Each structure stands twice: as C-alpha cells, then as structure tokens.
Amino acid sequence: MAVTPVRLLTIEEYAALGETEVGYTELVEGRVVISPNPSARHNLAAFSLARQLDPQLPPGLTVILGIDVDLQLAPAGQPGFSRRPDLLIFDKAALARGAEEMLRADEVAAVVEVVSPASERTDYRVKHDEYADAGIPHYWIIDTSEPISLVACHQAGEFGYLDAAAVTGTFVTDVPFPVKIDLTALLD
C-alpha cells in the first residue's frame, strides 16, 4: 500500500498510489477522498444494470463497473479530479490506448451512480456538476429505495446537465443509444 503524500496530487500521482486497504478513493481538487465500500444491495443493482445494458450496447461501446475516470478538469501537472462511478459506458477504443486502470472523461458516453445513504448529496449534487463540467454526455442516477428510480441527465450546453423526471418501472430512451431497463429487476 502506497503512502499518500501530504499535498495536492496530480492525476498521475494519484494513479501511481494504487489501491487502499479500506474502502476506495477518489481525487477531488487534488485531495484524496476515501469512501466506504458499497453494500451488497448497491453492488447487486450495479451488476444487474450492467447485465441488462451489455446486450443493448451499440458496437464500439462497452460497460464496466467501478473504474477511475480522469475528469480532465485541471491542466496536466495541476491538482486533479478523478471519480470512480459505479458503472461506465465507454468507447472500447480506450482499451487500445491502455486505459486498464483509468479512463478519460472524453472516452465516456455515460456514467451511472447508484445512490447509497452516505452518498446521496454527492451523487445528486457534487458528482452531477463535476460530470457535467467534464463534458460527460449522460449521467444516470439510480436510487434503490422503493420504488427504484432512475434520473437521466444529459448535457445541455453551457447550462450543464438537464435532468429528466425520475422514472420508475421501466426506463426507455433513445439517447445515447436505444435502451430499455427494467428497474424493478435491479435487485432480483
């Protein structure tokens, strides 16, 4: 386990840290933020969503659970931003460049966060704004409290994300690709 330096970190320095012993980390304005590991309910919802999405993805896109994303909000060599969304839909070409441990925001078509009690404000407010600022075209927020719901956010130019109303039951959309998600099956 690497020792975290006592100063603001760049994306490169953060990537070199590796994994921590407890929980997982994200980088916010150069500061390492430790988050608790997700619950079984949380992971089940994310995994079930990935299983539903995978066969519906167009060629060139793939889905992955919990990998770091350089939000590209800071110039190289400056304190950076890296988040670890619960699920990402991204361009397969990123794997060809060696993005095994960290994707770049410009390679991501959509990010998904599954809300946990401790992450509600961060998911709905903080990450919402950071993902929009990073230019990630789509952000889906899934709340597993009953009834399970999904809020789909999409880029609206200089205004950041435009948020659709929360959907329960079945989520259907044509953007960023045609998809139908049975939200009630996420915890089956």
N, C-alpha and C. Protein backbone atom coordinates (compact mmCIF):
# COMPACT_ATOMS: atom_id res chain seq x y z
N MET A 1 0.85 -1.18 0.00
CA MET A 1 0.00 0.00 0.00
C MET A 1 0.89 1.24 0.00
N ALA A 2 0.59 2.16 -0.90
CA ALA A 2 1.37 3.39 -1.01
C ALA A 2 0.98 4.38 0.08
N VAL A 3 1.92 5.23 0.45
CA VAL A 3 1.67 6.29 1.42
C VAL A 3 1.21 7.51 0.64
N THR A 4 0.10 8.11 1.07
CA THR A 4 -0.43 9.28 0.39
C THR A 4 0.37 10.51 0.80
N PRO A 5 0.93 11.24 -0.19
CA PRO A 5 1.68 12.46 0.13
C PRO A 5 0.78 13.51 0.79
N VAL A 6 1.38 14.38 1.59
CA VAL A 6 0.63 15.43 2.27
C VAL A 6 0.71 16.72 1.44
N ARG A 7 0.06 16.69 0.29
CA ARG A 7 -0.05 17.84 -0.60
C ARG A 7 -1.08 17.49 -1.66
N LEU A 8 -1.45 18.46 -2.46
CA LEU A 8 -2.42 18.20 -3.52
C LEU A 8 -1.76 17.36 -4.61
N LEU A 9 -2.52 16.40 -5.15
CA LEU A 9 -1.98 15.46 -6.12
C LEU A 9 -2.46 15.73 -7.53
N THR A 10 -1.60 15.43 -8.49
CA THR A 10 -1.99 15.44 -9.90
C THR A 10 -2.65 14.09 -10.21
N ILE A 11 -3.26 13.98 -11.36
CA ILE A 11 -3.85 12.72 -11.79
C ILE A 11 -2.79 11.63 -11.85
N GLU A 12 -1.62 11.95 -12.37
CA GLU A 12 -0.55 10.96 -12.49
C GLU A 12 -0.10 10.45 -11.12
N GLU A 13 0.03 11.36 -10.16
CA GLU A 13 0.44 10.96 -8.81
C GLU A 13 -0.63 10.11 -8.15
N TYR A 14 -1.87 10.48 -8.36
CA TYR A 14 -2.99 9.71 -7.81
C TYR A 14 -3.02 8.30 -8.40
N ALA A 15 -2.87 8.19 -9.70
CA ALA A 15 -2.87 6.88 -10.37
C ALA A 15 -1.75 6.00 -9.84
N ALA A 16 -0.62 6.60 -9.49
CA ALA A 16 0.53 5.83 -9.01
C ALA A 16 0.33 5.30 -7.59
N LEU A 17 -0.66 5.84 -6.85
CA LEU A 17 -0.90 5.39 -5.48
C LEU A 17 -1.37 3.94 -5.41
N GLY A 18 -2.15 3.51 -6.38
CA GLY A 18 -2.72 2.17 -6.33
C GLY A 18 -3.92 2.13 -5.40
N GLU A 19 -4.30 0.92 -5.00
CA GLU A 19 -5.48 0.73 -4.15
C GLU A 19 -5.15 0.95 -2.68
N THR A 20 -6.18 1.31 -1.92
CA THR A 20 -6.03 1.48 -0.48
C THR A 20 -6.52 0.22 0.22
N GLU A 21 -6.22 0.10 1.49
CA GLU A 21 -6.62 -1.08 2.25
C GLU A 21 -8.11 -1.08 2.58
N VAL A 22 -8.66 0.06 2.93
CA VAL A 22 -10.05 0.15 3.34
C VAL A 22 -10.81 1.06 2.38
N GLY A 23 -11.95 0.61 1.90
CA GLY A 23 -12.76 1.42 1.01
C GLY A 23 -12.07 1.64 -0.32
N TYR A 24 -12.46 2.70 -0.98
CA TYR A 24 -11.83 3.10 -2.23
C TYR A 24 -11.64 4.60 -2.21
N THR A 25 -10.83 5.10 -3.12
CA THR A 25 -10.55 6.53 -3.11
C THR A 25 -10.98 7.19 -4.41
N GLU A 26 -11.16 8.50 -4.32
CA GLU A 26 -11.38 9.37 -5.46
C GLU A 26 -10.50 10.59 -5.23
N LEU A 27 -10.25 11.36 -6.28
CA LEU A 27 -9.42 12.55 -6.18
C LEU A 27 -10.28 13.76 -6.47
N VAL A 28 -10.36 14.69 -5.50
CA VAL A 28 -11.19 15.88 -5.64
C VAL A 28 -10.31 17.10 -5.40
N GLU A 29 -10.09 17.87 -6.44
CA GLU A 29 -9.22 19.04 -6.39
C GLU A 29 -7.87 18.73 -5.76
N GLY A 30 -7.33 17.56 -6.15
CA GLY A 30 -6.02 17.16 -5.67
C GLY A 30 -6.01 16.48 -4.32
N ARG A 31 -7.17 16.37 -3.67
CA ARG A 31 -7.26 15.75 -2.35
C ARG A 31 -7.80 14.33 -2.48
N VAL A 32 -7.16 13.38 -1.81
CA VAL A 32 -7.63 12.00 -1.83
C VAL A 32 -8.79 11.89 -0.85
N VAL A 33 -9.93 11.42 -1.35
CA VAL A 33 -11.14 11.25 -0.55
C VAL A 33 -11.42 9.76 -0.45
N ILE A 34 -11.55 9.27 0.76
CA ILE A 34 -11.81 7.84 0.98
C ILE A 34 -13.31 7.64 1.16
N SER A 35 -13.84 6.66 0.42
CA SER A 35 -15.25 6.32 0.50
C SER A 35 -15.39 4.90 1.01
N PRO A 36 -16.47 4.60 1.73
CA PRO A 36 -16.65 3.23 2.19
C PRO A 36 -16.96 2.31 1.02
N ASN A 37 -16.65 1.04 1.18
CA ASN A 37 -17.02 0.07 0.15
C ASN A 37 -18.54 0.01 0.05
N PRO A 38 -19.05 -0.21 -1.16
CA PRO A 38 -20.50 -0.28 -1.33
C PRO A 38 -21.09 -1.54 -0.68
N SER A 39 -22.39 -1.47 -0.38
CA SER A 39 -23.10 -2.59 0.22
C SER A 39 -23.43 -3.64 -0.84
N ALA A 40 -23.86 -4.81 -0.39
CA ALA A 40 -24.26 -5.87 -1.31
C ALA A 40 -25.43 -5.41 -2.18
N ARG A 41 -26.39 -4.72 -1.60
CA ARG A 41 -27.57 -4.20 -2.34
C ARG A 41 -27.12 -3.26 -3.45
N HIS A 42 -26.22 -2.38 -3.11
CA HIS A 42 -25.67 -1.41 -4.06
C HIS A 42 -24.98 -2.13 -5.22
N ASN A 43 -24.10 -3.08 -4.89
CA ASN A 43 -23.37 -3.81 -5.93
C ASN A 43 -24.28 -4.67 -6.78
N LEU A 44 -25.30 -5.26 -6.19
CA LEU A 44 -26.26 -6.07 -6.94
C LEU A 44 -26.97 -5.21 -7.98
N ALA A 45 -27.40 -4.03 -7.58
CA ALA A 45 -28.08 -3.13 -8.52
C ALA A 45 -27.16 -2.75 -9.67
N ALA A 46 -25.91 -2.40 -9.38
CA ALA A 46 -24.97 -2.02 -10.43
C ALA A 46 -24.69 -3.19 -11.38
N PHE A 47 -24.47 -4.37 -10.81
CA PHE A 47 -24.18 -5.55 -11.63
C PHE A 47 -25.39 -5.93 -12.49
N SER A 48 -26.59 -5.89 -11.91
CA SER A 48 -27.81 -6.21 -12.66
C SER A 48 -28.02 -5.22 -13.80
N LEU A 49 -27.72 -3.95 -13.54
CA LEU A 49 -27.84 -2.95 -14.60
C LEU A 49 -26.85 -3.25 -15.73
N ALA A 50 -25.62 -3.58 -15.38
CA ALA A 50 -24.61 -3.91 -16.40
C ALA A 50 -25.07 -5.10 -17.24
N ARG A 51 -25.66 -6.11 -16.60
CA ARG A 51 -26.15 -7.28 -17.34
C ARG A 51 -27.26 -6.90 -18.31
N GLN A 52 -28.13 -5.97 -17.91
CA GLN A 52 -29.20 -5.54 -18.81
C GLN A 52 -28.66 -4.68 -19.95
N LEU A 53 -27.69 -3.84 -19.64
CA LEU A 53 -27.15 -2.92 -20.66
C LEU A 53 -26.32 -3.62 -21.72
N ASP A 54 -25.47 -4.55 -21.30
CA ASP A 54 -24.47 -5.13 -22.19
C ASP A 54 -25.03 -5.59 -23.54
N PRO A 55 -26.10 -6.38 -23.60
CA PRO A 55 -26.57 -6.82 -24.91
C PRO A 55 -27.24 -5.72 -25.74
N GLN A 56 -27.52 -4.57 -25.13
CA GLN A 56 -28.19 -3.49 -25.85
C GLN A 56 -27.22 -2.43 -26.37
N LEU A 57 -25.95 -2.54 -26.02
CA LEU A 57 -24.98 -1.52 -26.41
C LEU A 57 -24.65 -1.61 -27.89
N PRO A 58 -24.50 -0.47 -28.54
CA PRO A 58 -24.10 -0.48 -29.95
C PRO A 58 -22.62 -0.88 -30.07
N PRO A 59 -22.22 -1.33 -31.27
CA PRO A 59 -20.80 -1.65 -31.47
C PRO A 59 -19.94 -0.44 -31.12
N GLY A 60 -18.81 -0.70 -30.52
CA GLY A 60 -17.89 0.39 -30.16
C GLY A 60 -18.01 0.84 -28.73
N LEU A 61 -19.12 0.50 -28.07
CA LEU A 61 -19.29 0.86 -26.67
C LEU A 61 -19.27 -0.40 -25.82
N THR A 62 -18.82 -0.26 -24.58
CA THR A 62 -18.84 -1.36 -23.62
C THR A 62 -19.18 -0.80 -22.25
N VAL A 63 -19.48 -1.69 -21.33
CA VAL A 63 -19.86 -1.29 -19.98
C VAL A 63 -18.89 -1.94 -19.00
N ILE A 64 -18.58 -1.20 -17.94
CA ILE A 64 -17.67 -1.70 -16.91
C ILE A 64 -18.12 -1.15 -15.56
N LEU A 65 -17.83 -1.91 -14.53
CA LEU A 65 -18.15 -1.48 -13.16
C LEU A 65 -16.93 -0.85 -12.51
N GLY A 66 -17.14 0.24 -11.78
CA GLY A 66 -16.18 0.83 -10.87
C GLY A 66 -14.74 0.97 -11.30
N ILE A 67 -14.47 1.80 -12.29
CA ILE A 67 -13.09 2.11 -12.67
C ILE A 67 -12.93 3.64 -12.61
N ASP A 68 -11.73 4.09 -12.30
CA ASP A 68 -11.47 5.53 -12.18
C ASP A 68 -11.61 6.25 -13.52
N VAL A 69 -12.07 7.50 -13.43
CA VAL A 69 -12.18 8.37 -14.60
C VAL A 69 -11.47 9.68 -14.28
N ASP A 70 -10.49 10.02 -15.11
CA ASP A 70 -9.85 11.35 -15.02
C ASP A 70 -10.86 12.32 -15.62
N LEU A 71 -11.41 13.20 -14.79
CA LEU A 71 -12.42 14.14 -15.26
C LEU A 71 -11.84 15.24 -16.15
N GLN A 72 -10.53 15.32 -16.24
CA GLN A 72 -9.87 16.28 -17.12
C GLN A 72 -10.31 17.72 -16.82
N LEU A 73 -10.49 18.02 -15.54
CA LEU A 73 -10.92 19.36 -15.13
C LEU A 73 -9.75 20.27 -14.77
N ALA A 74 -8.54 19.72 -14.75
CA ALA A 74 -7.36 20.50 -14.39
C ALA A 74 -6.28 20.27 -15.44
N PRO A 75 -5.47 21.28 -15.71
CA PRO A 75 -4.36 21.09 -16.65
C PRO A 75 -3.38 20.04 -16.12
N ALA A 76 -2.66 19.40 -17.03
CA ALA A 76 -1.65 18.40 -16.64
C ALA A 76 -0.68 19.02 -15.64
N GLY A 77 -0.33 18.25 -14.62
CA GLY A 77 0.61 18.71 -13.61
C GLY A 77 -0.02 19.52 -12.49
N GLN A 78 -1.33 19.78 -12.59
CA GLN A 78 -2.04 20.54 -11.55
C GLN A 78 -2.89 19.58 -10.72
N PRO A 79 -3.30 19.99 -9.49
CA PRO A 79 -4.18 19.13 -8.70
C PRO A 79 -5.41 18.74 -9.50
N GLY A 80 -5.68 17.43 -9.53
CA GLY A 80 -6.70 16.92 -10.44
C GLY A 80 -7.96 16.39 -9.79
N PHE A 81 -8.82 15.82 -10.65
CA PHE A 81 -10.10 15.25 -10.26
C PHE A 81 -10.22 13.86 -10.88
N SER A 82 -10.48 12.86 -10.06
CA SER A 82 -10.76 11.51 -10.54
C SER A 82 -11.90 10.95 -9.71
N ARG A 83 -12.90 10.46 -10.39
CA ARG A 83 -14.04 9.82 -9.72
C ARG A 83 -14.10 8.36 -10.14
N ARG A 84 -14.77 7.56 -9.33
CA ARG A 84 -14.97 6.14 -9.64
C ARG A 84 -16.48 5.87 -9.66
N PRO A 85 -17.12 6.13 -10.80
CA PRO A 85 -18.56 5.87 -10.89
C PRO A 85 -18.85 4.38 -10.69
N ASP A 86 -20.07 4.09 -10.30
CA ASP A 86 -20.45 2.69 -10.09
C ASP A 86 -20.44 1.92 -11.40
N LEU A 87 -20.79 2.58 -12.49
CA LEU A 87 -20.85 1.93 -13.79
C LEU A 87 -20.53 2.97 -14.86
N LEU A 88 -19.81 2.54 -15.90
CA LEU A 88 -19.48 3.43 -17.01
C LEU A 88 -19.79 2.76 -18.33
N ILE A 89 -20.25 3.54 -19.27
CA ILE A 89 -20.40 3.09 -20.65
C ILE A 89 -19.39 3.93 -21.42
N PHE A 90 -18.47 3.24 -22.10
CA PHE A 90 -17.38 3.99 -22.72
C PHE A 90 -16.96 3.39 -24.05
N ASP A 91 -16.16 4.15 -24.77
CA ASP A 91 -15.65 3.77 -26.07
C ASP A 91 -14.59 2.68 -25.90
N LYS A 92 -14.80 1.53 -26.57
CA LYS A 92 -13.86 0.41 -26.47
C LYS A 92 -12.45 0.80 -26.92
N ALA A 93 -12.32 1.82 -27.73
CA ALA A 93 -11.00 2.26 -28.20
C ALA A 93 -10.11 2.67 -27.04
N ALA A 94 -10.70 3.04 -25.92
CA ALA A 94 -9.90 3.42 -24.74
C ALA A 94 -9.03 2.26 -24.27
N LEU A 95 -9.52 1.04 -24.44
CA LEU A 95 -8.73 -0.12 -24.02
C LEU A 95 -7.49 -0.29 -24.89
N ALA A 96 -7.60 0.10 -26.15
CA ALA A 96 -6.46 0.00 -27.06
C ALA A 96 -5.33 0.94 -26.64
N ARG A 97 -5.67 2.06 -26.01
CA ARG A 97 -4.63 3.00 -25.57
C ARG A 97 -4.07 2.60 -24.21
N GLY A 98 -4.63 1.55 -23.60
CA GLY A 98 -4.10 1.08 -22.32
C GLY A 98 -4.83 1.63 -21.13
N ALA A 99 -6.11 1.95 -21.26
CA ALA A 99 -6.89 2.52 -20.16
C ALA A 99 -7.38 1.43 -19.22
N GLU A 100 -6.50 0.58 -18.77
CA GLU A 100 -6.88 -0.54 -17.91
C GLU A 100 -7.27 -0.07 -16.50
N GLU A 101 -6.68 1.02 -16.02
CA GLU A 101 -6.93 1.46 -14.66
C GLU A 101 -7.63 2.81 -14.56
N MET A 102 -7.55 3.63 -15.62
CA MET A 102 -8.19 4.94 -15.57
C MET A 102 -8.61 5.37 -16.97
N LEU A 103 -9.90 5.67 -17.10
CA LEU A 103 -10.43 6.22 -18.34
C LEU A 103 -10.33 7.73 -18.29
N ARG A 104 -10.50 8.37 -19.43
CA ARG A 104 -10.59 9.83 -19.51
C ARG A 104 -12.05 10.20 -19.77
N ALA A 105 -12.45 11.34 -19.27
CA ALA A 105 -13.84 11.78 -19.44
C ALA A 105 -14.27 11.81 -20.89
N ASP A 106 -13.36 12.18 -21.79
CA ASP A 106 -13.73 12.26 -23.21
C ASP A 106 -13.91 10.90 -23.88
N GLU A 107 -13.68 9.82 -23.14
CA GLU A 107 -13.90 8.46 -23.65
C GLU A 107 -15.21 7.86 -23.14
N VAL A 108 -15.91 8.60 -22.29
CA VAL A 108 -17.09 8.08 -21.60
C VAL A 108 -18.37 8.63 -22.23
N ALA A 109 -19.29 7.70 -22.55
CA ALA A 109 -20.60 8.09 -23.10
C ALA A 109 -21.60 8.36 -21.99
N ALA A 110 -21.50 7.58 -20.90
CA ALA A 110 -22.43 7.75 -19.78
C ALA A 110 -21.80 7.20 -18.50
N VAL A 111 -22.12 7.85 -17.39
CA VAL A 111 -21.75 7.34 -16.07
C VAL A 111 -23.03 7.09 -15.29
N VAL A 112 -22.94 6.11 -14.38
CA VAL A 112 -24.10 5.76 -13.54
C VAL A 112 -23.62 5.71 -12.10
N GLU A 113 -24.38 6.34 -11.22
CA GLU A 113 -24.14 6.24 -9.80
C GLU A 113 -25.38 5.61 -9.17
N VAL A 114 -25.16 4.63 -8.31
CA VAL A 114 -26.22 4.03 -7.51
C VAL A 114 -26.15 4.70 -6.15
N VAL A 115 -27.20 5.36 -5.77
CA VAL A 115 -27.22 6.17 -4.55
C VAL A 115 -27.18 5.28 -3.31
N SER A 116 -26.29 5.62 -2.41
CA SER A 116 -26.21 4.99 -1.09
C SER A 116 -26.62 6.07 -0.08
N PRO A 117 -27.06 5.66 1.12
CA PRO A 117 -27.44 6.67 2.11
C PRO A 117 -26.34 7.71 2.36
N ALA A 118 -25.09 7.29 2.38
CA ALA A 118 -23.99 8.21 2.65
C ALA A 118 -23.57 9.02 1.43
N SER A 119 -24.08 8.67 0.24
CA SER A 119 -23.62 9.35 -0.97
C SER A 119 -24.69 10.18 -1.67
N GLU A 120 -25.86 10.29 -1.08
CA GLU A 120 -26.98 10.94 -1.76
C GLU A 120 -26.64 12.37 -2.22
N ARG A 121 -26.15 13.21 -1.33
CA ARG A 121 -25.82 14.59 -1.71
C ARG A 121 -24.71 14.61 -2.75
N THR A 122 -23.69 13.79 -2.56
CA THR A 122 -22.58 13.75 -3.51
C THR A 122 -23.06 13.32 -4.89
N ASP A 123 -23.90 12.28 -4.96
CA ASP A 123 -24.37 11.78 -6.25
C ASP A 123 -25.30 12.77 -6.96
N TYR A 124 -26.22 13.36 -6.22
CA TYR A 124 -27.20 14.26 -6.83
C TYR A 124 -26.67 15.67 -7.09
N ARG A 125 -25.69 16.11 -6.33
CA ARG A 125 -25.21 17.49 -6.47
C ARG A 125 -23.76 17.58 -6.96
N VAL A 126 -22.84 17.07 -6.17
CA VAL A 126 -21.41 17.26 -6.43
C VAL A 126 -20.97 16.55 -7.71
N LYS A 127 -21.21 15.23 -7.77
CA LYS A 127 -20.81 14.49 -8.97
C LYS A 127 -21.61 14.95 -10.18
N HIS A 128 -22.86 15.31 -9.97
CA HIS A 128 -23.71 15.84 -11.04
C HIS A 128 -23.00 17.01 -11.73
N ASP A 129 -22.50 17.94 -10.94
CA ASP A 129 -21.84 19.12 -11.50
C ASP A 129 -20.47 18.78 -12.09
N GLU A 130 -19.71 17.91 -11.40
CA GLU A 130 -18.38 17.55 -11.90
C GLU A 130 -18.47 16.80 -13.23
N TYR A 131 -19.39 15.84 -13.33
CA TYR A 131 -19.52 15.08 -14.57
C TYR A 131 -19.97 16.00 -15.71
N ALA A 132 -20.85 16.93 -15.41
CA ALA A 132 -21.29 17.89 -16.43
C ALA A 132 -20.11 18.77 -16.86
N ASP A 133 -19.36 19.29 -15.89
CA ASP A 133 -18.20 20.13 -16.21
C ASP A 133 -17.16 19.37 -17.02
N ALA A 134 -17.07 18.05 -16.79
CA ALA A 134 -16.10 17.21 -17.51
C ALA A 134 -16.57 16.91 -18.93
N GLY A 135 -17.81 17.26 -19.26
CA GLY A 135 -18.32 17.04 -20.61
C GLY A 135 -18.83 15.63 -20.86
N ILE A 136 -19.05 14.85 -19.80
CA ILE A 136 -19.61 13.51 -19.98
C ILE A 136 -21.06 13.69 -20.42
N PRO A 137 -21.41 13.16 -21.60
CA PRO A 137 -22.72 13.47 -22.18
C PRO A 137 -23.94 13.04 -21.37
N HIS A 138 -23.85 11.90 -20.67
CA HIS A 138 -25.01 11.39 -19.95
C HIS A 138 -24.63 10.91 -18.56
N TYR A 139 -25.52 11.19 -17.61
CA TYR A 139 -25.33 10.78 -16.22
C TYR A 139 -26.66 10.23 -15.73
N TRP A 140 -26.65 8.98 -15.28
CA TRP A 140 -27.85 8.36 -14.74
C TRP A 140 -27.65 8.13 -13.25
N ILE A 141 -28.66 8.52 -12.48
CA ILE A 141 -28.64 8.35 -11.03
C ILE A 141 -29.73 7.36 -10.66
N ILE A 142 -29.32 6.25 -10.05
CA ILE A 142 -30.28 5.21 -9.66
C ILE A 142 -30.42 5.21 -8.14
N ASP A 143 -31.66 5.32 -7.70
CA ASP A 143 -31.98 5.27 -6.27
C ASP A 143 -32.69 3.95 -6.02
N THR A 144 -32.10 3.09 -5.18
CA THR A 144 -32.67 1.77 -4.95
C THR A 144 -33.70 1.72 -3.83
N SER A 145 -34.00 2.87 -3.22
CA SER A 145 -35.09 2.85 -2.25
C SER A 145 -36.40 2.68 -3.02
N GLU A 146 -37.39 2.10 -2.38
CA GLU A 146 -38.65 1.78 -3.07
C GLU A 146 -39.47 3.03 -3.35
N PRO A 147 -40.00 3.19 -4.54
CA PRO A 147 -39.75 2.37 -5.72
C PRO A 147 -38.40 2.76 -6.35
N ILE A 148 -37.71 1.78 -6.90
CA ILE A 148 -36.42 2.03 -7.55
C ILE A 148 -36.65 3.02 -8.69
N SER A 149 -35.78 4.04 -8.75
CA SER A 149 -35.96 5.08 -9.77
C SER A 149 -34.64 5.41 -10.46
N LEU A 150 -34.77 6.01 -11.63
CA LEU A 150 -33.62 6.46 -12.40
C LEU A 150 -33.87 7.89 -12.87
N VAL A 151 -32.91 8.77 -12.62
CA VAL A 151 -32.94 10.14 -13.13
C VAL A 151 -31.89 10.20 -14.23
N ALA A 152 -32.33 10.51 -15.45
CA ALA A 152 -31.41 10.62 -16.59
C ALA A 152 -31.07 12.09 -16.80
N CYS A 153 -29.79 12.39 -16.81
CA CYS A 153 -29.30 13.75 -17.01
C CYS A 153 -28.50 13.76 -18.31
N HIS A 154 -28.68 14.80 -19.11
CA HIS A 154 -27.89 14.91 -20.34
C HIS A 154 -27.37 16.33 -20.51
N GLN A 155 -26.25 16.43 -21.21
CA GLN A 155 -25.61 17.73 -21.42
C GLN A 155 -26.58 18.69 -22.11
N ALA A 156 -26.62 19.92 -21.60
CA ALA A 156 -27.46 20.97 -22.17
C ALA A 156 -26.61 22.22 -22.42
N GLY A 157 -25.45 22.00 -23.03
CA GLY A 157 -24.56 23.11 -23.36
C GLY A 157 -23.97 23.78 -22.14
N GLU A 158 -23.94 25.10 -22.16
CA GLU A 158 -23.31 25.86 -21.09
C GLU A 158 -24.05 25.75 -19.76
N PHE A 159 -25.24 25.18 -19.77
CA PHE A 159 -26.04 25.07 -18.56
C PHE A 159 -25.76 23.79 -17.77
N GLY A 160 -24.85 22.96 -18.26
CA GLY A 160 -24.56 21.70 -17.57
C GLY A 160 -25.59 20.65 -17.97
N TYR A 161 -26.01 19.87 -16.99
CA TYR A 161 -26.98 18.82 -17.27
C TYR A 161 -28.41 19.32 -17.17
N LEU A 162 -29.24 18.77 -18.03
CA LEU A 162 -30.68 18.93 -17.93
C LEU A 162 -31.18 17.60 -17.37
N ASP A 163 -31.91 17.63 -16.27
CA ASP A 163 -32.36 16.42 -15.59
C ASP A 163 -33.79 16.10 -15.97
N ALA A 164 -34.03 14.87 -16.40
CA ALA A 164 -35.39 14.41 -16.65
C ALA A 164 -36.03 14.05 -15.32
N ALA A 165 -37.33 13.90 -15.32
CA ALA A 165 -38.03 13.47 -14.11
C ALA A 165 -37.64 12.04 -13.79
N ALA A 166 -37.67 11.69 -12.52
CA ALA A 166 -37.35 10.32 -12.10
C ALA A 166 -38.35 9.35 -12.72
N VAL A 167 -37.79 8.22 -13.20
CA VAL A 167 -38.60 7.18 -13.82
C VAL A 167 -38.59 5.95 -12.90
N THR A 168 -39.75 5.30 -12.75
CA THR A 168 -39.84 4.04 -12.03
C THR A 168 -40.36 2.98 -13.00
N GLY A 169 -40.26 1.72 -12.64
CA GLY A 169 -40.76 0.66 -13.51
C GLY A 169 -39.76 0.34 -14.61
N THR A 170 -40.02 0.86 -15.80
CA THR A 170 -39.15 0.61 -16.95
C THR A 170 -38.64 1.94 -17.50
N PHE A 171 -37.32 2.03 -17.65
CA PHE A 171 -36.69 3.21 -18.24
C PHE A 171 -36.42 2.90 -19.70
N VAL A 172 -36.91 3.77 -20.60
CA VAL A 172 -36.72 3.60 -22.04
C VAL A 172 -36.20 4.92 -22.60
N THR A 173 -35.16 4.83 -23.42
CA THR A 173 -34.61 6.03 -24.05
C THR A 173 -33.97 5.67 -25.38
N ASP A 174 -33.74 6.68 -26.20
CA ASP A 174 -33.02 6.52 -27.46
C ASP A 174 -31.64 7.16 -27.39
N VAL A 175 -31.35 7.86 -26.28
CA VAL A 175 -30.05 8.53 -26.15
C VAL A 175 -29.34 8.10 -24.88
N PRO A 176 -28.07 7.82 -24.90
CA PRO A 176 -27.15 7.96 -26.03
C PRO A 176 -27.25 6.82 -27.04
N PHE A 177 -28.14 5.85 -26.77
CA PHE A 177 -28.42 4.74 -27.67
C PHE A 177 -29.75 4.17 -27.23
N PRO A 178 -30.44 3.44 -28.09
CA PRO A 178 -31.71 2.84 -27.67
C PRO A 178 -31.48 1.81 -26.56
N VAL A 179 -32.23 1.95 -25.49
CA VAL A 179 -32.09 1.03 -24.36
C VAL A 179 -33.40 0.97 -23.58
N LYS A 180 -33.64 -0.22 -23.01
CA LYS A 180 -34.81 -0.44 -22.16
C LYS A 180 -34.29 -1.15 -20.91
N ILE A 181 -34.55 -0.56 -19.74
CA ILE A 181 -34.05 -1.10 -18.48
C ILE A 181 -35.22 -1.37 -17.53
N ASP A 182 -35.31 -2.60 -17.06
CA ASP A 182 -36.31 -2.97 -16.07
C ASP A 182 -35.75 -2.63 -14.70
N LEU A 183 -36.14 -1.50 -14.16
CA LEU A 183 -35.61 -1.04 -12.88
C LEU A 183 -36.03 -1.94 -11.73
N THR A 184 -37.22 -2.55 -11.82
CA THR A 184 -37.69 -3.43 -10.74
C THR A 184 -36.85 -4.69 -10.64
N ALA A 185 -36.12 -5.05 -11.70
CA ALA A 185 -35.30 -6.27 -11.70
C ALA A 185 -33.89 -6.03 -11.18
N LEU A 186 -33.55 -4.78 -10.85
CA LEU A 186 -32.18 -4.49 -10.42
C LEU A 186 -31.80 -5.15 -9.11
N LEU A 187 -32.77 -5.47 -8.29
CA LEU A 187 -32.46 -6.10 -7.00
C LEU A 187 -32.98 -7.52 -6.91
N ASP A 188 -33.32 -8.12 -8.04
CA ASP A 188 -33.77 -9.53 -8.06
C ASP A 188 -32.60 -10.48 -7.99
